Protein backbone atom coordinates (compact mmCIF):
# COMPACT_ATOMS: atom_id res chain seq x y z
CA MET A 1 2.20 -19.34 30.64
CA SER A 2 -1.35 -18.21 29.98
CA ALA A 3 -2.02 -14.72 28.67
CA PRO A 4 -3.06 -12.08 31.21
CA PRO A 5 -6.77 -11.38 31.43
CA SER A 6 -8.13 -8.38 29.58
CA PRO A 7 -11.26 -6.42 30.46
CA SER A 8 -11.82 -5.69 26.76
CA PRO A 9 -11.24 -8.76 24.54
CA GLY A 10 -12.67 -6.85 21.58
CA ARG A 11 -9.52 -4.72 21.50
CA TRP A 12 -7.23 -7.69 20.86
CA PHE A 13 -5.40 -7.69 17.55
CA LYS A 14 -2.99 -9.94 15.75
CA THR A 15 0.72 -9.23 15.68
CA LEU A 16 3.30 -11.11 13.65
CA ARG A 17 6.13 -13.00 15.28
CA ARG A 18 9.71 -13.06 14.04
CA THR A 19 9.46 -16.59 12.79
CA ARG A 20 9.65 -18.77 9.72
CA LEU A 21 7.43 -18.06 6.75
CA GLY A 22 4.14 -19.94 6.90
CA GLU A 23 3.74 -20.23 10.66
CA PRO A 24 0.53 -18.76 12.10
CA CYS A 25 0.32 -15.32 13.65
CA LEU A 26 -0.35 -14.89 17.37
CA LYS A 27 -3.08 -12.77 18.91
CA THR A 28 -1.80 -10.32 21.51
CA TYR A 29 -3.05 -7.37 23.51
CA PRO A 30 -3.03 -3.66 22.61
CA VAL A 31 -0.43 -3.09 25.31
CA GLU A 32 2.10 -4.75 22.98
CA CYS A 33 1.23 -2.26 20.25
CA LYS A 34 1.64 0.50 22.83
CA ASP A 35 5.10 -0.86 23.58
CA LEU A 36 6.04 -0.64 19.90
CA ILE A 37 4.72 2.92 19.74
CA THR A 38 6.74 3.84 22.85
CA ARG A 39 9.91 2.33 21.37
CA ALA A 40 9.42 4.14 18.07
CA ARG A 41 8.70 7.47 19.75
CA THR A 42 11.72 7.08 22.01
CA ALA A 43 13.91 6.41 18.97
CA PHE A 44 12.47 9.44 17.19
CA ARG A 45 13.16 11.71 20.15
CA THR A 46 16.83 10.75 20.08
CA GLY A 47 17.05 12.48 16.69
CA ARG A 48 18.51 9.53 14.82
CA THR A 49 16.04 9.91 11.92
CA LEU A 50 16.93 13.57 11.35
CA THR A 51 20.25 12.99 9.60
CA GLU A 52 20.62 12.56 5.87
CA SER A 53 22.96 9.58 6.37
CA PHE A 54 20.36 7.66 8.40
CA ARG A 55 17.60 8.20 5.86
CA LEU A 56 19.84 7.24 2.94
CA ALA A 57 20.95 4.08 4.74
CA GLN A 58 17.34 3.01 5.34
CA LEU A 59 16.27 3.70 1.76
CA GLU A 60 19.27 1.84 0.33
CA ALA A 61 18.59 -1.05 2.70
CA MET A 62 15.04 -1.28 1.38
CA VAL A 63 16.30 -1.49 -2.20
CA GLN A 64 18.77 -4.16 -1.11
CA MET A 65 15.97 -6.14 0.55
CA LEU A 66 13.88 -6.12 -2.63
CA GLU A 67 16.83 -7.18 -4.79
CA GLU A 68 18.11 -9.95 -2.53
CA HIS A 69 14.66 -11.45 -1.86
CA GLN A 70 12.97 -11.01 -5.20
CA CYS A 71 12.22 -14.74 -5.45
CA ASP A 72 10.74 -14.77 -1.95
CA PHE A 73 8.37 -11.92 -2.79
CA VAL A 74 7.36 -13.61 -6.04
CA ASP A 75 6.63 -16.83 -4.14
CA ALA A 76 4.63 -15.08 -1.39
CA LEU A 77 2.45 -13.17 -3.84
CA GLY A 78 2.02 -16.34 -5.85
CA ARG A 79 0.61 -18.03 -2.75
CA ASP A 80 -1.61 -15.11 -1.75
CA LEU A 81 -2.94 -13.97 -5.13
CA HIS A 82 -1.61 -16.46 -7.68
CA LYS A 83 0.18 -13.40 -9.03
CA PRO A 84 2.41 -14.13 -12.04
CA ARG A 85 6.11 -13.43 -11.71
CA PHE A 86 6.05 -10.68 -14.34
CA GLU A 87 3.20 -8.81 -12.60
CA THR A 88 4.93 -9.05 -9.22
CA ILE A 89 8.23 -7.71 -10.53
CA VAL A 90 6.74 -4.88 -12.61
CA SER A 91 3.82 -3.68 -10.47
CA GLU A 92 5.29 -4.34 -7.02
CA LEU A 93 9.07 -4.65 -6.81
CA ILE A 94 10.29 -2.34 -9.57
CA LEU A 95 7.73 0.31 -8.64
CA VAL A 96 8.90 0.38 -5.01
CA LYS A 97 12.58 0.34 -6.01
CA ASN A 98 12.05 3.28 -8.35
CA GLU A 99 10.33 5.24 -5.58
CA ALA A 100 13.18 4.51 -3.18
CA LEU A 101 15.89 5.39 -5.71
CA TYR A 102 14.10 8.61 -6.63
CA ALA A 103 14.05 9.55 -2.94
CA VAL A 104 17.75 8.70 -2.61
CA ASN A 105 18.63 10.90 -5.58
CA ASN A 106 16.57 13.86 -4.36
CA LEU A 107 16.84 13.59 -0.59
CA ARG A 108 19.53 16.25 -0.12
CA LYS A 109 17.54 18.77 -2.15
CA TRP A 110 14.35 17.97 -0.22
CA MET A 111 16.11 18.48 3.13
CA GLN A 112 17.55 21.89 2.25
CA PRO A 113 15.68 24.93 3.60
CA GLN A 114 13.68 26.79 0.99
CA ARG A 115 13.81 30.57 0.87
CA ALA A 116 10.38 32.09 1.45
CA VAL A 117 9.39 35.08 -0.70
CA LEU A 118 7.99 37.88 1.47
CA CYS A 119 4.80 39.56 0.33
CA PHE A 120 4.43 41.88 3.32
CA LEU A 121 3.19 45.39 2.45
CA PHE A 122 4.86 45.89 -0.91
CA GLY A 123 4.27 42.60 -2.74
CA ARG A 124 6.54 39.74 -3.80
CA SER A 125 9.27 41.95 -5.26
CA SER A 126 9.85 43.95 -2.10
CA PRO A 127 13.16 43.49 -0.23
CA PRO A 128 13.14 41.82 3.20
CA LEU A 129 12.05 44.35 5.78
CA LEU A 130 13.56 42.74 8.87
CA ASP A 131 15.17 39.42 8.05
CA GLU A 132 15.25 36.58 5.57
CA CYS A 133 12.65 33.81 6.03
CA GLN A 134 13.08 30.12 5.22
CA VAL A 135 10.78 27.11 5.06
CA VAL A 136 12.37 24.14 6.86
CA SER A 137 10.89 20.67 6.39
CA GLU A 138 10.66 18.69 9.62
CA PRO A 139 9.39 15.14 10.22
CA LEU A 140 6.01 14.63 11.90
CA GLY A 141 7.12 11.78 14.17
CA LEU A 142 5.41 8.38 14.11
CA VAL A 143 3.45 7.26 11.04
CA PHE A 144 0.96 4.36 10.89
CA ILE A 145 0.79 2.72 7.44
CA MET A 146 -2.09 0.34 6.67
CA GLY A 147 -1.62 -1.50 3.39
CA SER A 148 -4.18 -3.31 1.27
CA TRP A 149 -4.17 -6.92 0.11
CA CYS A 150 -4.53 -6.13 -3.61
CA SER A 151 -0.94 -4.83 -3.91
CA PRO A 152 0.50 -5.70 -0.51
CA ILE A 153 4.15 -4.83 -1.19
CA GLN A 154 3.56 -1.63 -3.12
CA LEU A 155 0.89 -0.25 -0.77
CA CYS A 156 3.01 -0.88 2.32
CA LEU A 157 6.46 0.10 1.09
CA VAL A 158 5.74 3.11 -1.14
CA PRO A 159 4.26 5.08 1.80
CA LEU A 160 7.17 3.81 3.90
CA VAL A 161 9.63 5.31 1.41
CA GLY A 162 7.99 8.70 1.91
CA ALA A 163 7.97 8.30 5.69
CA ILE A 164 11.68 7.41 5.76
CA ALA A 165 12.66 10.21 3.38
CA ALA A 166 10.82 12.70 5.58
CA GLY A 167 12.61 11.44 8.70
CA ASN A 168 9.71 9.67 10.41
CA CYS A 169 9.44 6.43 12.31
CA ALA A 170 6.73 4.04 11.15
CA ILE A 171 4.53 1.12 12.14
CA ILE A 172 3.40 -0.93 9.16
CA SER A 173 0.26 -3.07 9.13
CA PRO A 174 0.00 -5.30 6.03
CA SER A 175 -3.39 -6.79 5.27
CA GLU A 176 -4.16 -10.05 7.02
CA CYS A 177 -5.76 -11.31 3.77
CA SER A 178 -2.34 -11.54 2.09
CA ALA A 179 -0.86 -13.51 4.97
CA HIS A 180 2.23 -14.93 3.24
CA THR A 181 3.36 -11.51 2.04
CA ALA A 182 2.66 -9.99 5.46
CA GLU A 183 4.75 -12.65 7.19
CA LEU A 184 7.57 -12.13 4.70
CA LEU A 185 7.58 -8.37 5.31
CA HIS A 186 7.63 -8.99 9.05
CA ARG A 187 10.50 -11.42 8.73
CA LEU A 188 12.64 -9.27 6.43
CA ILE A 189 12.13 -5.69 7.57
CA PRO A 190 13.85 -6.18 10.97
CA PHE A 191 16.95 -7.51 9.17
CA TYR A 192 17.23 -4.48 6.88
CA LEU A 193 15.66 -1.47 8.61
CA ASP A 194 16.27 0.03 12.03
CA ASN A 195 14.65 -2.22 14.66
CA GLU A 196 13.65 0.66 16.94
CA CYS A 197 12.22 2.99 14.32
CA PHE A 198 10.28 0.58 12.11
CA HIS A 199 7.91 -2.20 13.19
CA VAL A 200 5.47 -4.53 11.44
CA ILE A 201 2.17 -5.69 12.94
CA LEU A 202 -0.85 -7.48 11.51
CA ALA A 203 -4.20 -6.14 12.66
CA GLY A 204 -7.61 -7.34 11.61
CA THR A 205 -9.67 -4.86 9.61
CA ASN A 206 -12.13 -4.41 12.46
CA ASP A 207 -9.29 -3.66 14.89
CA LEU A 208 -7.62 -0.90 12.87
CA PRO A 209 -9.76 2.02 14.16
CA GLU A 210 -8.97 1.02 17.75
CA ILE A 211 -5.25 0.92 16.97
CA VAL A 212 -5.52 4.37 15.36
CA ASP A 213 -6.95 5.53 18.71
CA LEU A 214 -3.53 4.84 20.26
CA LYS A 215 -2.43 8.12 18.63
CA PHE A 216 -0.03 8.56 15.76
CA ASP A 217 1.28 11.69 14.06
CA HIS A 218 -0.01 10.67 10.62
CA VAL A 219 -2.09 7.77 9.32
CA PHE A 220 -1.87 6.36 5.80
CA PHE A 221 -4.67 4.00 4.76
CA THR A 222 -5.46 2.16 1.53
CA GLY A 223 -8.76 0.32 1.15
CA SER A 224 -12.50 0.69 0.68
CA LYS A 225 -14.51 3.83 1.31
CA GLU A 226 -16.36 2.18 4.18
CA GLU A 227 -13.17 1.17 5.98
CA GLY A 228 -11.57 4.52 5.19
CA SER A 229 -14.50 6.33 6.77
CA ARG A 230 -14.03 4.37 9.98
CA ILE A 231 -10.30 5.11 10.00
CA ALA A 232 -10.91 8.83 9.43
CA GLN A 233 -13.45 8.94 12.26
CA ALA A 234 -11.02 7.22 14.62
CA ALA A 235 -8.20 9.58 13.64
CA SER A 236 -10.41 12.62 14.14
CA ARG A 237 -10.83 11.75 17.81
CA THR A 238 -7.12 12.44 18.33
CA ILE A 239 -6.91 15.14 15.61
CA THR A 240 -4.51 12.97 13.59
CA PRO A 241 -3.97 13.91 9.91
CA VAL A 242 -4.92 11.12 7.51
CA THR A 243 -4.04 10.19 3.94
CA LEU A 244 -6.74 7.97 2.41
CA VAL A 245 -6.36 6.05 -0.85
CA LEU A 246 -9.83 4.70 -1.54
CA GLY A 247 -11.45 2.68 -4.28
CA SER A 248 -13.91 4.43 -6.55
CA LYS A 249 -15.34 4.35 -10.07
CA ASN A 250 -12.90 4.31 -12.99
CA PRO A 251 -14.68 4.54 -16.34
CA CYS A 252 -13.00 4.29 -19.73
CA TYR A 253 -14.23 6.24 -22.76
CA VAL A 254 -13.55 5.13 -26.33
CA ASP A 255 -14.62 7.40 -29.19
CA GLU A 256 -14.75 6.73 -32.90
CA GLN A 257 -11.27 8.22 -33.47
CA CYS A 258 -9.47 5.72 -31.20
CA GLU A 259 -7.23 2.94 -32.41
CA ILE A 260 -9.53 0.11 -31.30
CA THR A 261 -6.88 -2.61 -31.05
CA THR A 262 -4.60 -0.51 -28.87
CA ALA A 263 -7.49 0.69 -26.68
CA ALA A 264 -8.74 -2.87 -26.20
CA GLN A 265 -5.28 -4.12 -25.20
CA ARG A 266 -4.87 -1.37 -22.61
CA ILE A 267 -8.37 -1.79 -21.19
CA ALA A 268 -8.10 -5.58 -21.00
CA TRP A 269 -4.70 -5.44 -19.31
CA ALA A 270 -5.83 -2.85 -16.76
CA ARG A 271 -9.08 -4.69 -16.04
CA PHE A 272 -7.67 -8.21 -15.65
CA HIS A 273 -4.32 -7.32 -14.12
CA ASN A 274 -4.21 -8.98 -10.68
CA ALA A 275 -7.59 -10.58 -11.49
CA GLY A 276 -9.14 -7.12 -11.50
CA GLN A 277 -8.19 -6.50 -7.86
CA SER A 278 -6.92 -2.96 -8.18
CA LEU A 279 -8.16 0.39 -6.95
CA VAL A 280 -7.67 1.85 -10.43
CA ALA A 281 -9.00 -1.03 -12.54
CA PRO A 282 -11.59 0.13 -15.13
CA ASP A 283 -15.12 -0.43 -13.84
CA TYR A 284 -17.00 0.09 -17.09
CA VAL A 285 -16.50 1.30 -20.65
CA LEU A 286 -18.34 4.10 -22.44
CA CYS A 287 -17.90 4.01 -26.20
CA HIS A 288 -19.27 5.53 -29.36
CA ALA A 289 -22.06 3.44 -30.88
CA ASP A 290 -20.18 3.13 -34.17
CA VAL A 291 -17.25 1.29 -32.55
CA LYS A 292 -19.10 -0.82 -29.98
CA ALA A 293 -19.10 -4.07 -31.98
CA ARG A 294 -15.44 -3.75 -32.97
CA LEU A 295 -14.41 -2.91 -29.39
CA VAL A 296 -16.25 -5.88 -27.90
CA GLN A 297 -14.68 -8.22 -30.44
CA ALA A 298 -11.22 -6.73 -29.83
CA LEU A 299 -11.61 -7.17 -26.06
CA LYS A 300 -12.55 -10.82 -26.56
CA CYS A 301 -9.47 -11.34 -28.71
CA CYS A 302 -7.26 -9.68 -26.09
CA VAL A 303 -8.55 -11.90 -23.29
CA MET A 304 -7.98 -14.97 -25.48
CA GLN A 305 -4.48 -13.76 -26.34
CA PHE A 306 -3.57 -12.97 -22.71
CA TYR A 307 -5.09 -15.96 -20.92
CA GLY A 308 -6.14 -18.56 -23.48
CA SER A 309 -9.54 -20.15 -23.95
CA ASP A 310 -9.74 -21.16 -20.27
CA PRO A 311 -8.30 -18.46 -17.96
CA ALA A 312 -8.73 -20.79 -14.97
CA GLU A 313 -5.88 -22.86 -16.38
CA SER A 314 -3.69 -19.88 -17.27
CA ARG A 315 -0.50 -19.30 -15.28
CA SER A 316 -0.70 -15.62 -16.26
CA TYR A 317 -4.07 -14.98 -14.59
CA GLY A 318 -4.30 -14.19 -10.90
CA ARG A 319 -6.89 -15.32 -8.36
CA MET A 320 -9.18 -13.51 -5.97
CA VAL A 321 -7.58 -13.28 -2.59
CA ASN A 322 -10.15 -15.41 -0.75
CA LEU A 323 -13.51 -17.13 -1.12
CA GLU A 324 -15.31 -14.37 0.79
CA LEU A 325 -14.34 -11.76 -1.81
CA PHE A 326 -15.18 -14.20 -4.59
CA ASN A 327 -18.69 -14.71 -3.24
CA ARG A 328 -19.22 -10.98 -2.71
CA THR A 329 -18.18 -10.27 -6.30
CA LYS A 330 -20.41 -13.07 -7.54
CA SER A 331 -23.41 -11.68 -5.68
CA CYS A 332 -22.88 -8.26 -7.28
CA CYS A 333 -23.06 -9.72 -10.78
CA GLY A 334 -26.08 -11.97 -10.27
CA GLY A 335 -26.52 -14.55 -13.02
CA LEU A 336 -24.71 -12.62 -15.72
CA ALA A 337 -21.67 -14.88 -15.87
CA ARG A 338 -20.41 -18.39 -15.25
CA TRP A 339 -18.41 -18.64 -12.03
CA LEU A 340 -15.72 -21.04 -10.97
CA TRP A 341 -13.69 -20.90 -7.76
CA VAL A 342 -10.23 -22.33 -8.32
CA ASP A 343 -8.30 -23.08 -5.17
CA LYS A 344 -4.79 -21.58 -5.24
């Protein structure tokens, strides 16, 4: 059956099917996203996310998903980013598990009302004049989480941990650039988390502002400043609060008192981790003139130690996510370096 006509084809977006890993995603209409929003809001209104038992069950299920499918996540990130097993486990899986376990251990305390200290008339030490006041934490409702391709598991699931712990429903949109990881998240999340409260879609970058227009109670976005600006503008039209995690400059400073070998190891690891595709990767180094030569030599030794004489052949070095990003990075550097695109 052919798809129904749409007066606004520009508003189409991609949504993932429940299917086998590796099959292509289908393009659908915004009405399907509206259906997911309606289902999630209906589930939220029933109050099922308000109980401590529900939140604990969802958080524990997420930990179980990461433990039981560790090899699948390693394989998906290997296909998307040529990410080494060690990097995937440490920077993606363990980080998310620790966040979830921390929430599990502290959830009861977070849900308890907090006594508010009254400062009316006589200051903080004055006794309550009329009654005791408490601060009660309540969930916002429906959260839209847009992850980035550079750390697709961490940047989708860490915000989801917070949304679950706070008692919200959520719609998660992994980046379409890391397609294998996005498909894996779509395939696994329905088997572990509540099918009415949590949904996974895949929207193109250009479609995200229009999806934000569908109205959520909070929007969480990770990406570039340009894309973040568009998301914030779209959210402002419906007065939706936004959390933006944006890339920026991250300089390193090395003075003459530093242990040069240790500093070089840390800088080289942070810079070349995930092939440099990180929002917090060092952009440039400022150093004291007296240590410049030693630092440069130490950095060269670290790169040789980490990735060998030819990093393109190293199994420990990642790859840029696609040729488009590779070419954009190449154009920024001009003729300063030798470039080689290695197909994953």
